């Protein structure tokens, strides 16, 4: 991702909504729409692991890195996202 975006402006804030692959797969199935080619559990596991690694040791080009538990209720997740945005904007 960083290589693809090396010419783009660096973000001030990057947010990772952490949802385990099993839960993500359950949500994908529950929506009742056709499954996309990248929406398979093996791919979800690989991508999830890479994002967790990136956010555990954020590279300089990621800006402030925040991990939010995406398993909680929608309103709680949204409140945490908003709090992260507000906190970062106040620091600018």
Protein backbone atom coordinates (compact mmCIF):
# COMPACT_ATOMS: atom_id res chain seq x y z
CA UNK A 1 0.00 0.00 0.00
CA UNK A 2 2.79 2.42 0.89
CA UNK A 3 4.62 1.67 -2.36
CA UNK A 4 1.49 2.26 -4.43
CA UNK A 5 0.85 5.55 -2.68
CA UNK A 6 4.40 6.89 -2.42
CA UNK A 7 3.55 9.89 -4.62
CA UNK A 8 0.31 10.67 -2.79
CA UNK A 9 0.04 13.01 0.16
CA UNK A 10 0.80 11.29 3.45
CA UNK A 11 -2.25 10.87 5.69
CA UNK A 12 -2.43 12.51 9.09
CA UNK A 13 -4.49 9.58 10.38
CA UNK A 14 -4.91 5.93 9.40
CA UNK A 15 -7.64 3.84 11.04
CA UNK A 16 -7.80 0.05 11.01
CA UNK A 17 -11.16 -1.43 11.93
CA UNK A 18 -9.95 -4.72 13.36
CA UNK A 19 -12.38 -7.52 12.52
CA UNK A 20 -11.12 -11.12 12.67
CA UNK A 21 -11.38 -12.97 9.34
CA UNK A 22 -14.01 -15.39 10.69
CA UNK A 23 -16.27 -12.52 11.74
CA UNK A 24 -15.67 -10.70 8.46
CA UNK A 25 -16.60 -13.85 6.51
CA UNK A 26 -19.79 -14.25 8.58
CA UNK A 27 -20.74 -10.64 7.79
CA UNK A 28 -20.05 -11.15 4.09
CA UNK A 29 -22.28 -14.24 4.00
CA UNK A 30 -25.00 -12.56 6.09
CA UNK A 31 -25.39 -9.67 3.67
CA UNK A 32 -26.88 -12.14 1.18
CA UNK A 33 -25.06 -10.87 -1.90
CA UNK A 34 -22.70 -12.78 -4.18
CA UNK A 35 -19.24 -13.27 -2.70
CA UNK A 36 -16.50 -11.34 -4.52
CA UNK A 37 -13.35 -13.18 -5.58
CA UNK A 38 -11.25 -11.58 -2.84
CA UNK A 39 -13.84 -12.34 -0.14
CA UNK A 40 -12.53 -15.78 0.74
CA UNK A 41 -11.32 -16.62 4.21
CA UNK A 42 -7.73 -17.38 3.17
CA UNK A 43 -7.41 -13.93 1.57
CA UNK A 44 -9.10 -12.26 4.53
CA UNK A 45 -6.64 -13.98 6.89
CA UNK A 46 -3.63 -12.87 4.87
CA UNK A 47 -4.80 -9.26 4.55
CA UNK A 48 -5.83 -9.09 8.22
CA UNK A 49 -2.40 -10.32 9.32
CA UNK A 50 -0.65 -7.74 7.16
CA UNK A 51 -2.76 -4.88 8.48
CA UNK A 52 -2.23 -5.99 12.09
CA UNK A 53 1.51 -6.09 11.46
CA UNK A 54 1.52 -2.67 9.78
CA UNK A 55 -0.47 -1.08 12.60
CA UNK A 56 1.62 -2.77 15.32
CA UNK A 57 4.72 -1.04 13.96
CA UNK A 58 3.40 1.79 11.78
CA UNK A 59 5.78 3.02 9.09
CA UNK A 60 6.35 6.78 8.89
CA UNK A 61 4.06 7.18 5.87
CA UNK A 62 1.00 5.95 7.75
CA UNK A 63 0.52 9.01 9.96
CA UNK A 64 -1.09 8.47 13.33
CA UNK A 65 -2.17 4.83 13.34
CA UNK A 66 -5.25 3.85 15.32
CA UNK A 67 -6.69 0.35 15.73
CA UNK A 68 -10.39 0.12 16.57
CA UNK A 69 -12.17 -3.06 17.60
CA UNK A 70 -14.61 -3.62 14.75
CA UNK A 71 -16.53 -6.37 16.56
CA UNK A 72 -18.41 -3.96 18.80
CA UNK A 73 -21.74 -2.31 18.08
CA UNK A 74 -21.79 0.04 15.11
CA UNK A 75 -22.40 3.14 17.26
CA UNK A 76 -19.44 2.32 19.52
CA UNK A 77 -17.14 1.83 16.54
CA UNK A 78 -18.38 5.06 14.95
CA UNK A 79 -17.82 6.95 18.21
CA UNK A 80 -14.24 5.69 18.40
CA UNK A 81 -13.58 6.63 14.78
CA UNK A 82 -14.97 10.11 15.38
CA UNK A 83 -12.92 10.49 18.59
CA UNK A 84 -9.74 9.53 16.69
CA UNK A 85 -10.51 12.07 13.95
CA UNK A 86 -11.22 14.83 16.46
CA UNK A 87 -8.11 14.03 18.51
CA UNK A 88 -5.90 14.09 15.42
CA UNK A 89 -7.45 17.26 14.00
CA UNK A 90 -6.91 19.06 17.31
CA UNK A 91 -3.24 18.06 17.20
CA UNK A 92 -2.70 19.64 13.77
